N, C-alpha and C. Protein backbone atom coordinates (compact mmCIF):
# COMPACT_ATOMS: atom_id res chain seq x y z
N MET A 1 45.27 -15.58 12.53
CA MET A 1 44.47 -16.43 13.12
C MET A 1 44.18 -17.57 12.37
N PRO A 2 44.31 -18.69 13.02
CA PRO A 2 44.22 -20.25 12.51
C PRO A 2 42.98 -20.19 11.59
N ARG A 3 42.89 -20.86 10.67
CA ARG A 3 41.73 -21.14 9.69
C ARG A 3 41.15 -22.50 10.19
N PRO A 4 39.61 -22.42 10.46
CA PRO A 4 39.05 -23.86 10.74
C PRO A 4 39.11 -24.66 9.94
N ARG A 5 38.99 -25.89 10.35
CA ARG A 5 39.23 -26.86 9.24
C ARG A 5 38.08 -26.91 8.16
N SER A 6 37.03 -26.85 8.44
CA SER A 6 35.97 -26.50 7.38
C SER A 6 34.73 -25.53 7.93
N LEU A 7 34.03 -25.09 7.30
CA LEU A 7 32.95 -24.28 7.66
C LEU A 7 31.69 -24.56 6.80
N THR A 8 30.54 -24.94 7.10
CA THR A 8 29.24 -25.09 6.58
C THR A 8 28.83 -23.60 6.14
N HIS A 9 27.97 -23.65 5.23
CA HIS A 9 27.06 -22.52 4.84
C HIS A 9 26.35 -21.92 5.77
N ALA A 10 25.64 -22.99 6.59
CA ALA A 10 25.05 -22.53 7.76
C ALA A 10 25.92 -21.83 8.97
N GLN A 11 27.00 -22.28 8.82
CA GLN A 11 27.93 -21.60 10.17
C GLN A 11 28.12 -20.05 9.59
N LEU A 12 28.57 -20.11 8.45
CA LEU A 12 28.98 -18.73 7.81
C LEU A 12 27.46 -17.83 7.96
N ALA A 13 26.46 -18.40 7.59
CA ALA A 13 25.35 -17.58 7.57
C ALA A 13 25.05 -17.25 9.09
N SER A 14 25.17 -18.04 9.96
CA SER A 14 24.88 -17.66 11.42
C SER A 14 25.62 -16.67 11.89
N ALA A 15 27.13 -16.69 11.37
CA ALA A 15 28.21 -15.50 11.79
C ALA A 15 27.86 -14.28 11.08
N ALA A 16 27.28 -14.32 9.93
CA ALA A 16 26.87 -13.04 9.50
C ALA A 16 25.58 -12.64 9.86
N LEU A 17 24.76 -13.42 10.44
CA LEU A 17 23.45 -13.00 11.12
C LEU A 17 23.77 -12.19 12.48
N ALA A 18 24.57 -12.60 13.00
CA ALA A 18 25.13 -12.34 14.44
C ALA A 18 25.67 -10.78 14.50
N VAL A 19 26.32 -10.85 13.23
CA VAL A 19 26.94 -9.24 12.91
C VAL A 19 25.88 -8.50 12.78
N ILE A 20 24.64 -8.79 11.90
CA ILE A 20 23.82 -7.92 11.24
C ILE A 20 22.83 -7.56 12.58
N ASP A 21 22.65 -8.66 13.51
CA ASP A 21 21.88 -8.45 14.84
C ASP A 21 22.41 -7.48 15.71
N ARG A 22 23.73 -7.63 15.70
CA ARG A 22 24.50 -6.88 16.67
C ARG A 22 24.73 -5.22 16.36
N ASP A 23 25.11 -5.30 15.00
CA ASP A 23 25.87 -3.99 14.33
C ASP A 23 24.88 -3.34 13.31
N GLY A 24 23.77 -3.96 12.84
CA GLY A 24 22.97 -3.74 11.88
C GLY A 24 23.64 -3.92 10.59
N LEU A 25 22.72 -3.65 9.42
CA LEU A 25 23.24 -4.10 8.15
C LEU A 25 24.38 -3.38 7.68
N ALA A 26 24.46 -2.18 8.22
CA ALA A 26 25.58 -1.52 8.05
C ALA A 26 27.06 -1.97 8.24
N GLY A 27 26.82 -2.86 9.45
CA GLY A 27 27.97 -3.29 10.06
C GLY A 27 28.38 -4.64 9.30
N LEU A 28 27.88 -5.05 8.41
CA LEU A 28 28.21 -6.50 7.76
C LEU A 28 29.32 -6.27 6.63
N SER A 29 30.22 -6.94 6.76
CA SER A 29 31.56 -6.84 5.95
C SER A 29 32.05 -8.13 6.26
N MET A 30 32.92 -8.28 5.04
CA MET A 30 33.66 -9.72 5.10
C MET A 30 34.73 -9.86 6.19
N ARG A 31 35.13 -8.80 6.60
CA ARG A 31 36.13 -8.52 7.48
C ARG A 31 35.44 -8.87 8.91
N ALA A 32 34.10 -8.21 9.35
CA ALA A 32 33.66 -8.20 10.45
C ALA A 32 32.91 -9.93 10.53
N VAL A 33 32.52 -10.49 9.54
CA VAL A 33 32.25 -12.04 9.48
C VAL A 33 33.50 -12.72 9.90
N ALA A 34 34.64 -12.37 9.07
CA ALA A 34 35.78 -13.20 9.64
C ALA A 34 36.03 -12.91 11.05
N LYS A 35 36.24 -11.97 11.41
CA LYS A 35 36.36 -11.59 13.01
C LYS A 35 35.45 -12.56 13.84
N GLU A 36 34.12 -12.55 13.53
CA GLU A 36 32.98 -13.36 14.26
C GLU A 36 33.48 -14.70 14.21
N LEU A 37 34.06 -15.19 13.02
CA LEU A 37 34.35 -16.53 13.02
C LEU A 37 35.96 -16.84 13.47
N GLY A 38 36.53 -15.91 14.01
CA GLY A 38 37.98 -16.10 14.41
C GLY A 38 38.64 -16.50 13.08
N MET A 39 38.80 -15.83 12.34
CA MET A 39 39.61 -16.16 10.96
C MET A 39 39.97 -15.15 10.36
N SER A 40 40.79 -15.17 9.54
CA SER A 40 41.53 -13.86 8.90
C SER A 40 40.43 -13.61 7.57
N THR A 41 40.16 -12.41 6.98
CA THR A 41 39.52 -12.20 6.06
C THR A 41 39.64 -12.77 4.82
N MET A 42 40.99 -13.01 4.37
CA MET A 42 41.57 -13.69 3.28
C MET A 42 40.92 -15.20 3.26
N ALA A 43 41.01 -15.85 4.43
CA ALA A 43 40.50 -17.10 4.73
C ALA A 43 39.13 -17.29 4.39
N LEU A 44 38.40 -16.42 4.60
CA LEU A 44 37.11 -16.17 4.69
C LEU A 44 36.66 -16.38 2.85
N TYR A 45 37.49 -15.62 2.10
CA TYR A 45 37.20 -15.67 0.57
C TYR A 45 37.44 -17.27 0.21
N ARG A 46 38.06 -17.96 0.95
CA ARG A 46 37.94 -19.60 0.60
C ARG A 46 36.39 -20.26 0.46
N TYR A 47 35.69 -19.61 1.18
CA TYR A 47 34.13 -20.18 1.28
C TYR A 47 33.00 -19.45 0.61
N VAL A 48 33.42 -18.23 0.24
CA VAL A 48 32.24 -17.34 -0.33
C VAL A 48 33.18 -16.51 -1.13
N ASP A 49 32.55 -15.79 -2.20
CA ASP A 49 33.12 -14.87 -3.27
C ASP A 49 33.17 -13.35 -2.81
N ASP A 50 32.04 -13.02 -2.12
CA ASP A 50 31.99 -11.71 -1.67
C ASP A 50 30.86 -11.53 -0.81
N ARG A 51 30.33 -10.35 -0.35
CA ARG A 51 29.44 -9.88 0.51
C ARG A 51 27.94 -10.11 -0.07
N GLU A 52 28.03 -10.39 -1.49
CA GLU A 52 26.56 -10.50 -1.74
C GLU A 52 26.34 -12.09 -1.64
N GLU A 53 27.31 -13.02 -1.71
CA GLU A 53 26.94 -14.23 -1.37
C GLU A 53 26.80 -14.48 0.04
N LEU A 54 27.34 -13.62 1.02
CA LEU A 54 27.10 -13.71 2.27
C LEU A 54 25.55 -13.43 2.45
N GLU A 55 25.22 -12.27 1.82
CA GLU A 55 23.92 -11.80 2.18
C GLU A 55 22.82 -13.08 1.89
N GLN A 56 22.94 -13.44 0.64
CA GLN A 56 22.12 -14.57 0.05
C GLN A 56 22.04 -15.60 1.11
N LEU A 57 23.27 -16.11 1.76
CA LEU A 57 23.32 -17.15 2.80
C LEU A 57 22.31 -16.70 3.78
N VAL A 58 22.43 -15.64 4.31
CA VAL A 58 21.83 -15.05 5.39
C VAL A 58 20.15 -14.90 5.42
N VAL A 59 20.04 -14.45 3.94
CA VAL A 59 18.43 -14.47 4.00
C VAL A 59 17.79 -15.82 3.62
N GLU A 60 18.72 -17.09 3.05
CA GLU A 60 18.09 -18.35 3.21
C GLU A 60 18.15 -18.82 4.46
N LEU A 61 19.05 -18.52 5.57
CA LEU A 61 19.00 -18.79 6.81
C LEU A 61 17.49 -18.35 7.65
N VAL A 62 17.48 -17.19 7.37
CA VAL A 62 16.22 -16.68 8.03
C VAL A 62 15.06 -17.17 7.30
N HIS A 63 14.73 -17.47 5.91
CA HIS A 63 13.62 -17.99 5.43
C HIS A 63 13.67 -19.58 5.57
N SER A 64 14.69 -20.23 6.01
CA SER A 64 14.79 -21.60 6.41
C SER A 64 13.96 -21.78 7.62
N THR A 65 13.60 -20.62 8.57
CA THR A 65 12.99 -20.93 9.80
C THR A 65 11.40 -20.98 9.40
N VAL A 66 10.84 -20.57 8.41
CA VAL A 66 9.51 -20.38 8.06
C VAL A 66 8.95 -21.63 7.48
N ASP A 67 7.82 -22.02 8.18
CA ASP A 67 7.06 -23.18 7.71
C ASP A 67 6.49 -22.95 6.46
N THR A 68 6.96 -23.65 5.35
CA THR A 68 6.32 -23.52 3.96
C THR A 68 5.40 -24.47 3.58
N ARG A 69 4.86 -25.36 4.73
CA ARG A 69 3.93 -26.48 4.28
C ARG A 69 2.54 -25.79 4.22
N ALA A 70 1.58 -26.40 3.37
CA ALA A 70 0.45 -25.80 2.85
C ALA A 70 -0.44 -25.82 4.28
N PRO A 71 -1.20 -24.77 4.41
CA PRO A 71 -2.03 -24.40 5.50
C PRO A 71 -3.33 -25.38 5.25
N ASP A 72 -4.18 -25.53 6.43
CA ASP A 72 -5.30 -26.52 6.25
C ASP A 72 -6.02 -26.33 4.89
N PRO A 73 -6.33 -26.98 4.12
CA PRO A 73 -6.86 -27.09 2.91
C PRO A 73 -8.34 -26.96 3.04
N ASP A 74 -9.18 -26.99 4.12
CA ASP A 74 -10.28 -26.81 4.29
C ASP A 74 -10.61 -25.50 4.93
N ALA A 75 -9.38 -24.50 5.10
CA ALA A 75 -9.70 -23.10 5.54
C ALA A 75 -9.81 -22.44 4.34
N PRO A 76 -10.75 -21.17 4.71
CA PRO A 76 -11.00 -20.36 3.45
C PRO A 76 -9.75 -19.83 2.91
N TRP A 77 -9.77 -19.26 1.66
CA TRP A 77 -8.13 -19.24 1.16
C TRP A 77 -7.48 -17.93 1.72
N ARG A 78 -8.50 -16.90 2.21
CA ARG A 78 -7.82 -15.55 2.80
C ARG A 78 -7.16 -16.18 4.19
N GLU A 79 -7.90 -16.90 4.95
CA GLU A 79 -7.28 -17.43 6.05
C GLU A 79 -5.80 -18.16 5.74
N ARG A 80 -5.77 -19.07 4.57
CA ARG A 80 -4.60 -19.74 4.45
C ARG A 80 -3.48 -18.90 4.20
N VAL A 81 -3.89 -17.62 3.25
CA VAL A 81 -2.93 -16.71 2.87
C VAL A 81 -2.31 -16.25 3.97
N GLU A 82 -3.46 -15.58 5.05
CA GLU A 82 -2.83 -14.98 6.37
C GLU A 82 -1.97 -16.03 7.19
N THR A 83 -2.24 -17.11 7.15
CA THR A 83 -1.37 -18.20 7.70
C THR A 83 0.06 -18.17 7.28
N MET A 84 0.36 -18.01 5.91
CA MET A 84 1.57 -18.12 5.35
C MET A 84 2.13 -16.69 5.64
N VAL A 85 1.50 -15.47 5.58
CA VAL A 85 2.06 -14.11 5.84
C VAL A 85 2.45 -14.04 7.10
N ARG A 86 1.70 -14.79 8.11
CA ARG A 86 2.02 -14.60 9.46
C ARG A 86 3.41 -15.48 9.69
N ARG A 87 3.62 -16.74 9.32
CA ARG A 87 4.60 -17.23 9.42
C ARG A 87 6.10 -16.67 9.11
N LEU A 88 5.84 -15.86 7.67
CA LEU A 88 6.72 -15.25 7.08
C LEU A 88 7.19 -14.00 8.01
N ARG A 89 6.21 -13.40 8.55
CA ARG A 89 6.32 -12.08 9.24
C ARG A 89 7.34 -12.38 10.74
N ASP A 90 6.87 -13.68 11.20
CA ASP A 90 7.28 -13.85 12.53
C ASP A 90 8.91 -14.09 12.41
N ALA A 91 9.10 -14.97 11.28
CA ALA A 91 10.64 -15.27 10.91
C ALA A 91 11.24 -13.91 10.72
N MET A 92 10.90 -12.94 9.85
CA MET A 92 11.51 -11.97 9.36
C MET A 92 11.66 -10.52 10.65
N SER A 93 10.61 -10.85 11.65
CA SER A 93 10.37 -9.77 12.21
C SER A 93 11.36 -10.14 13.61
N ALA A 94 11.93 -11.23 13.62
CA ALA A 94 13.10 -11.63 14.53
C ALA A 94 14.55 -11.03 14.05
N HIS A 95 14.58 -10.85 13.00
CA HIS A 95 15.86 -10.18 12.38
C HIS A 95 15.46 -9.03 11.49
N PRO A 96 14.85 -8.00 11.77
CA PRO A 96 14.47 -6.97 10.91
C PRO A 96 15.28 -6.35 10.18
N ALA A 97 16.56 -6.24 10.69
CA ALA A 97 17.74 -5.48 9.82
C ALA A 97 18.11 -6.30 8.66
N VAL A 98 17.60 -7.63 8.64
CA VAL A 98 17.56 -8.57 7.16
C VAL A 98 16.78 -8.00 6.39
N VAL A 99 15.68 -7.46 6.74
CA VAL A 99 14.41 -7.42 5.86
C VAL A 99 14.98 -6.82 4.28
N PRO A 100 15.61 -5.56 4.33
CA PRO A 100 16.10 -5.24 3.07
C PRO A 100 16.82 -6.10 2.29
N LEU A 101 17.38 -7.19 2.50
CA LEU A 101 18.30 -7.98 1.85
C LEU A 101 17.34 -8.87 1.19
N THR A 102 16.06 -9.37 1.66
CA THR A 102 15.22 -10.02 0.77
C THR A 102 14.50 -9.62 -0.37
N LEU A 103 14.68 -8.21 -0.61
CA LEU A 103 14.31 -7.65 -1.74
C LEU A 103 15.56 -8.04 -2.84
N ALA A 104 16.56 -8.04 -2.53
CA ALA A 104 17.71 -8.57 -3.58
C ALA A 104 17.91 -9.87 -3.94
N HIS A 105 17.69 -10.87 -2.72
CA HIS A 105 17.99 -12.07 -2.89
C HIS A 105 16.80 -13.25 -2.57
N ARG A 106 15.47 -12.80 -2.60
CA ARG A 106 14.40 -13.72 -2.12
C ARG A 106 14.26 -14.50 -3.38
N HIS A 107 14.33 -14.32 -4.58
CA HIS A 107 14.18 -15.30 -5.62
C HIS A 107 15.42 -16.29 -5.91
N ARG A 108 16.50 -16.04 -5.10
CA ARG A 108 17.60 -16.84 -5.18
C ARG A 108 17.60 -18.03 -3.94
N THR A 109 16.73 -17.86 -3.09
CA THR A 109 16.97 -18.65 -1.70
C THR A 109 15.87 -19.71 -1.85
N PRO A 110 16.31 -20.96 -1.72
CA PRO A 110 15.17 -21.97 -1.81
C PRO A 110 13.86 -21.87 -0.83
N SER A 111 14.09 -21.54 0.32
CA SER A 111 13.25 -21.44 1.15
C SER A 111 12.36 -20.36 1.00
N GLY A 112 12.64 -19.23 0.30
CA GLY A 112 11.62 -18.35 -0.09
C GLY A 112 10.84 -18.43 -1.20
N LEU A 113 11.54 -19.30 -2.20
CA LEU A 113 10.58 -19.90 -3.45
C LEU A 113 9.86 -20.69 -2.98
N ARG A 114 10.21 -21.78 -1.93
CA ARG A 114 8.91 -22.42 -1.34
C ARG A 114 7.90 -21.72 -1.03
N TRP A 115 8.10 -20.82 -0.17
CA TRP A 115 7.08 -20.07 0.37
C TRP A 115 6.06 -19.45 -0.42
N SER A 116 6.78 -18.58 -1.48
CA SER A 116 5.97 -18.27 -2.67
C SER A 116 5.28 -19.19 -3.55
N GLU A 117 5.85 -20.32 -3.59
CA GLU A 117 5.23 -21.49 -4.25
C GLU A 117 3.81 -21.97 -3.34
N THR A 118 3.85 -22.01 -2.08
CA THR A 118 2.77 -22.38 -1.53
C THR A 118 1.58 -21.37 -1.38
N VAL A 119 2.07 -20.06 -1.67
CA VAL A 119 1.15 -19.08 -1.62
C VAL A 119 0.43 -18.97 -2.97
N LEU A 120 1.07 -19.07 -4.12
CA LEU A 120 0.60 -19.14 -5.37
C LEU A 120 -0.18 -20.40 -5.66
N THR A 121 -0.11 -21.39 -4.88
CA THR A 121 -1.02 -22.67 -5.02
C THR A 121 -2.50 -22.08 -4.16
N VAL A 122 -2.30 -21.53 -2.96
CA VAL A 122 -3.34 -20.86 -2.33
C VAL A 122 -4.39 -19.89 -3.36
N LEU A 123 -3.42 -19.19 -3.95
CA LEU A 123 -4.04 -18.44 -4.98
C LEU A 123 -4.61 -18.79 -6.16
N THR A 124 -4.03 -19.77 -6.67
CA THR A 124 -4.67 -20.32 -7.88
C THR A 124 -5.79 -21.13 -7.43
N GLU A 125 -5.75 -21.81 -6.42
CA GLU A 125 -7.11 -22.50 -5.97
C GLU A 125 -8.20 -21.68 -5.38
N ALA A 126 -7.93 -20.36 -5.42
CA ALA A 126 -8.96 -19.18 -5.04
C ALA A 126 -9.61 -18.74 -6.35
N GLY A 127 -8.72 -19.17 -7.31
CA GLY A 127 -9.10 -18.79 -8.79
C GLY A 127 -8.52 -17.49 -9.07
N ILE A 128 -7.38 -17.08 -8.58
CA ILE A 128 -6.51 -15.92 -9.02
C ILE A 128 -5.38 -16.52 -9.54
N ASP A 129 -5.47 -16.06 -10.87
CA ASP A 129 -4.46 -16.77 -11.85
C ASP A 129 -3.79 -15.52 -12.91
N GLY A 130 -3.04 -16.16 -13.81
CA GLY A 130 -2.46 -15.42 -14.92
C GLY A 130 -1.86 -14.14 -14.17
N GLU A 131 -2.02 -13.10 -14.78
CA GLU A 131 -1.35 -11.49 -14.38
C GLU A 131 -1.97 -11.41 -13.14
N ARG A 132 -3.20 -11.61 -12.73
CA ARG A 132 -3.67 -11.12 -11.51
C ARG A 132 -2.73 -12.11 -10.26
N ARG A 133 -2.48 -13.09 -10.69
CA ARG A 133 -1.64 -13.77 -9.76
C ARG A 133 -0.21 -13.22 -9.33
N VAL A 134 0.30 -12.59 -10.70
CA VAL A 134 1.54 -12.06 -10.48
C VAL A 134 1.51 -10.65 -9.45
N VAL A 135 0.37 -9.86 -9.65
CA VAL A 135 -0.07 -8.64 -8.96
C VAL A 135 -0.23 -8.91 -7.52
N ALA A 136 -0.98 -10.18 -7.22
CA ALA A 136 -1.44 -10.61 -5.87
C ALA A 136 -0.05 -10.96 -5.23
N LEU A 137 0.80 -11.81 -5.61
CA LEU A 137 1.93 -12.04 -5.10
C LEU A 137 2.76 -11.06 -4.57
N ARG A 138 3.04 -10.22 -5.74
CA ARG A 138 3.93 -9.30 -5.38
C ARG A 138 3.67 -8.21 -4.46
N GLY A 139 2.37 -8.14 -4.42
CA GLY A 139 1.40 -7.15 -3.60
C GLY A 139 1.79 -7.57 -2.15
N LEU A 140 1.41 -8.96 -2.05
CA LEU A 140 1.46 -9.34 -0.65
C LEU A 140 2.94 -9.44 -0.18
N LEU A 141 4.03 -9.72 -0.80
CA LEU A 141 5.61 -9.52 -0.76
C LEU A 141 5.63 -8.09 -0.27
N SER A 142 5.27 -7.13 -1.29
CA SER A 142 5.55 -5.65 -0.76
C SER A 142 4.85 -5.21 0.55
N TYR A 143 3.67 -5.76 0.80
CA TYR A 143 2.95 -5.40 2.24
C TYR A 143 3.87 -5.84 3.18
N VAL A 144 4.27 -7.06 3.04
CA VAL A 144 4.74 -7.75 4.20
C VAL A 144 6.23 -7.10 4.35
N ILE A 145 6.90 -6.71 3.43
CA ILE A 145 8.54 -6.39 3.53
C ILE A 145 8.29 -4.69 4.01
N GLY A 146 7.39 -4.34 3.42
CA GLY A 146 7.39 -2.66 3.69
C GLY A 146 6.53 -2.48 5.31
N ALA A 147 5.79 -3.39 5.67
CA ALA A 147 5.11 -3.12 6.99
C ALA A 147 5.98 -3.55 8.04
N ILE A 148 6.74 -4.33 7.92
CA ILE A 148 7.94 -5.03 8.81
C ILE A 148 9.00 -3.71 8.90
N GLN A 149 9.44 -3.22 7.83
CA GLN A 149 10.32 -2.09 7.91
C GLN A 149 9.92 -1.18 8.40
N LEU A 150 8.67 -0.58 8.29
CA LEU A 150 8.02 0.29 8.98
C LEU A 150 8.03 0.31 10.44
N GLU A 151 7.71 -0.87 10.91
CA GLU A 151 7.32 -1.42 12.40
C GLU A 151 8.55 -1.19 13.01
N HIS A 152 9.73 -1.69 12.55
CA HIS A 152 10.98 -1.84 12.97
C HIS A 152 12.07 -0.80 12.84
N LEU A 153 12.13 -0.25 11.50
CA LEU A 153 12.97 0.41 11.14
C LEU A 153 12.16 1.85 10.56
N GLY A 154 11.17 1.92 10.55
CA GLY A 154 10.60 3.28 9.82
C GLY A 154 10.42 4.33 10.72
N PRO A 155 10.47 5.63 10.42
CA PRO A 155 10.29 6.77 10.98
C PRO A 155 8.94 7.10 11.61
N LEU A 156 8.09 6.41 11.13
CA LEU A 156 6.85 6.65 11.93
C LEU A 156 6.32 5.59 13.12
N SER A 157 7.35 5.01 13.41
CA SER A 157 7.47 4.22 14.75
C SER A 157 7.95 4.88 15.94
N GLY A 158 7.25 4.65 17.10
CA GLY A 158 7.94 5.41 18.04
C GLY A 158 8.43 6.58 18.31
N ALA A 159 9.47 7.27 18.47
CA ALA A 159 9.99 8.44 18.62
C ALA A 159 9.42 9.34 17.27
N GLY A 160 9.43 8.83 16.18
CA GLY A 160 9.10 9.55 14.68
C GLY A 160 7.72 9.77 14.83
N THR A 161 6.78 8.85 15.33
CA THR A 161 5.49 9.27 15.60
C THR A 161 5.19 10.24 16.55
N ARG A 162 5.67 10.40 17.63
CA ARG A 162 5.55 11.57 18.62
C ARG A 162 6.09 12.69 18.15
N ALA A 163 7.27 12.82 17.23
CA ALA A 163 7.52 14.08 16.54
C ALA A 163 6.51 14.43 15.57
N ILE A 164 5.93 13.83 14.97
CA ILE A 164 4.78 14.22 14.05
C ILE A 164 3.58 14.95 14.68
N THR A 165 3.51 14.12 15.85
CA THR A 165 2.10 14.94 16.82
C THR A 165 2.75 16.46 17.17
N GLU A 166 3.91 16.69 17.17
CA GLU A 166 4.23 17.84 17.78
C GLU A 166 4.37 19.03 16.04
N LEU A 167 3.96 18.61 15.11
CA LEU A 167 4.10 19.26 13.92
C LEU A 167 3.12 20.41 14.01
N PRO A 168 3.33 21.56 13.46
CA PRO A 168 2.15 22.63 13.57
C PRO A 168 0.84 22.19 12.60
N PRO A 169 -0.20 21.90 13.44
CA PRO A 169 -1.43 21.47 12.98
C PRO A 169 -1.93 22.33 11.69
N SER A 170 -1.57 23.54 11.84
CA SER A 170 -2.04 24.43 10.53
C SER A 170 -1.33 23.90 9.19
N ALA A 171 -0.35 23.50 9.37
CA ALA A 171 0.43 23.23 8.15
C ALA A 171 0.09 21.35 7.56
N TYR A 172 0.24 20.56 8.65
CA TYR A 172 -0.19 19.14 8.53
C TYR A 172 -1.36 18.84 9.38
N PRO A 173 -2.56 19.00 9.02
CA PRO A 173 -3.45 18.80 9.93
C PRO A 173 -4.01 17.55 10.03
N LEU A 174 -3.83 16.72 8.82
CA LEU A 174 -4.22 15.19 8.77
C LEU A 174 -3.04 14.54 9.51
N MET A 175 -1.74 14.99 9.18
CA MET A 175 -0.54 13.93 9.65
C MET A 175 -0.76 14.16 11.16
N THR A 176 -0.80 15.47 11.46
CA THR A 176 -0.58 15.26 13.09
C THR A 176 -2.12 14.69 13.80
N GLU A 177 -3.24 14.61 13.36
CA GLU A 177 -4.24 13.91 13.86
C GLU A 177 -4.13 12.36 13.52
N THR A 178 -3.50 12.00 12.55
CA THR A 178 -3.33 10.51 12.36
C THR A 178 -2.24 9.88 13.16
N ALA A 179 -1.07 10.91 13.52
CA ALA A 179 0.02 10.42 14.42
C ALA A 179 -0.69 10.41 15.76
N ARG A 180 -1.60 11.10 16.25
CA ARG A 180 -2.34 10.93 17.45
C ARG A 180 -2.89 9.72 17.55
N TYR A 181 -3.69 9.27 16.54
CA TYR A 181 -4.42 8.04 16.54
C TYR A 181 -3.48 6.97 16.72
N ALA A 182 -2.42 7.02 15.90
CA ALA A 182 -1.36 6.11 15.89
C ALA A 182 -1.10 5.43 17.10
N GLY A 183 -1.06 6.25 18.23
CA GLY A 183 -0.59 5.83 19.70
C GLY A 183 -1.55 4.76 19.95
N ASN A 184 -2.71 4.59 19.50
CA ASN A 184 -3.57 3.56 19.92
C ASN A 184 -3.56 2.32 19.08
N VAL A 185 -3.03 2.20 18.11
CA VAL A 185 -2.99 1.10 17.21
C VAL A 185 -1.64 0.42 17.46
N GLY A 186 -1.51 -0.89 18.21
CA GLY A 186 -0.58 -1.86 18.28
C GLY A 186 0.00 -2.46 16.99
N ALA A 187 1.12 -2.89 16.91
CA ALA A 187 1.92 -3.55 15.92
C ALA A 187 1.03 -4.57 15.18
N ASP A 188 0.53 -5.49 16.04
CA ASP A 188 -0.18 -6.61 15.41
C ASP A 188 -1.45 -6.25 14.91
N ARG A 189 -2.11 -5.13 15.63
CA ARG A 189 -3.43 -4.72 14.99
C ARG A 189 -3.11 -3.92 13.50
N GLU A 190 -2.29 -3.13 13.44
CA GLU A 190 -1.91 -2.53 12.29
C GLU A 190 -1.54 -3.36 11.11
N PHE A 191 -0.85 -4.26 11.58
CA PHE A 191 -0.29 -5.31 10.41
C PHE A 191 -1.54 -6.32 9.93
N PHE A 192 -2.26 -6.76 10.78
CA PHE A 192 -3.32 -7.79 10.20
C PHE A 192 -4.44 -6.93 9.71
N GLU A 193 -4.71 -5.53 10.47
CA GLU A 193 -5.87 -4.92 9.52
C GLU A 193 -5.29 -4.47 8.38
N GLY A 194 -4.23 -3.91 8.28
CA GLY A 194 -3.81 -3.92 6.67
C GLY A 194 -3.73 -4.73 5.97
N LEU A 195 -3.21 -6.10 6.21
CA LEU A 195 -3.30 -7.17 5.43
C LEU A 195 -4.67 -7.40 5.34
N ALA A 196 -5.64 -7.54 6.08
CA ALA A 196 -6.93 -7.76 5.84
C ALA A 196 -7.53 -7.02 4.59
N MET A 197 -7.15 -5.53 4.39
CA MET A 197 -7.39 -4.90 3.31
C MET A 197 -7.00 -5.22 2.04
N VAL A 198 -5.51 -5.55 2.13
CA VAL A 198 -5.14 -6.29 1.07
C VAL A 198 -5.83 -7.23 0.39
N LEU A 199 -6.21 -8.29 1.38
CA LEU A 199 -6.94 -9.37 0.98
C LEU A 199 -8.23 -9.32 0.63
N ARG A 200 -9.02 -8.16 0.84
CA ARG A 200 -10.37 -7.78 0.46
C ARG A 200 -10.19 -7.19 -0.94
N GLY A 201 -9.06 -6.65 -1.26
CA GLY A 201 -8.73 -6.24 -2.72
C GLY A 201 -8.68 -7.21 -3.60
N MET A 202 -8.07 -8.48 -3.28
CA MET A 202 -7.85 -9.42 -3.66
C MET A 202 -9.06 -10.09 -4.09
N GLU A 203 -10.05 -10.26 -3.04
CA GLU A 203 -11.38 -11.00 -3.01
C GLU A 203 -12.13 -10.12 -4.05
N THR A 204 -12.13 -8.82 -4.38
CA THR A 204 -12.74 -8.04 -5.22
C THR A 204 -12.30 -8.23 -6.66
N ALA A 205 -10.93 -8.27 -6.75
CA ALA A 205 -10.52 -8.69 -8.10
C ALA A 205 -10.70 -10.12 -8.53
N ARG A 206 -10.75 -10.89 -7.71
CA ARG A 206 -11.09 -12.32 -7.92
C ARG A 206 -12.42 -12.55 -8.38
N GLU A 207 -13.37 -11.59 -7.76
CA GLU A 207 -14.70 -11.74 -8.33
C GLU A 207 -15.19 -10.98 -9.53
N ALA A 208 -14.24 -10.04 -9.79
CA ALA A 208 -14.32 -9.18 -11.02
C ALA A 208 -14.52 -9.95 -12.39
C-alpha cells in the first residue's frame, strides 16, 4: 500500500480512536491502525515508535475536547469542581473503551495536565492544599475513571445487574436487594450523587 506523504499526530490518533471505538481496546494494534490509514504496518513505524505512543496520542485526542478553562470564579468551589468533572466525564463517556488508557497516560498528555491544573487551582482556593490536595485530586480522578468504567464496561450495569437480582437471597441478601434498587437509579443520578458524596467528604476534610 502506498504511504501517505505525511501524517499528523491528530490523524494518527483519530485512526487509532476509530479502531478502539469499533473493535474495543483489545483491537488496537499497529497493524489495525495501519490498515485504518491505508498503509503498511512498517510504514506506520516511521511516525510512531510503538503501540504505547499511539495510546498516548489517543488519550491526548480525547482529553483535548475537554474545556479546561476555569469555571465561574464566583460559584461555590464544589460547583466549580463538579463543572470540571462533568466536562471530563462527557469527553470520556463518548469513548469509554479509552478510559483504561487514561490511567497509564494522563500524566503525559498536555490536555489532561491542564484539566488537573485547573482543578488544583479550585481546590487550593477552597483551602485544600498540601497532602490533602494530593488525596483530593487523586480521589476525584479515581471516582471519575471508576464510575465511567462501571457505567459502560462494568458487570454491575445492564445484564450484570439483572443477573445479581437472580442470585439466592439467602446467600446474598444485600447484593440482591441493592441490585433491585439499582434499576431505579439512572446513570446520571448515580454519577452525580456519588460525586456529591465525594465532595462532601472533601468539605469535611477542608474544615477539619
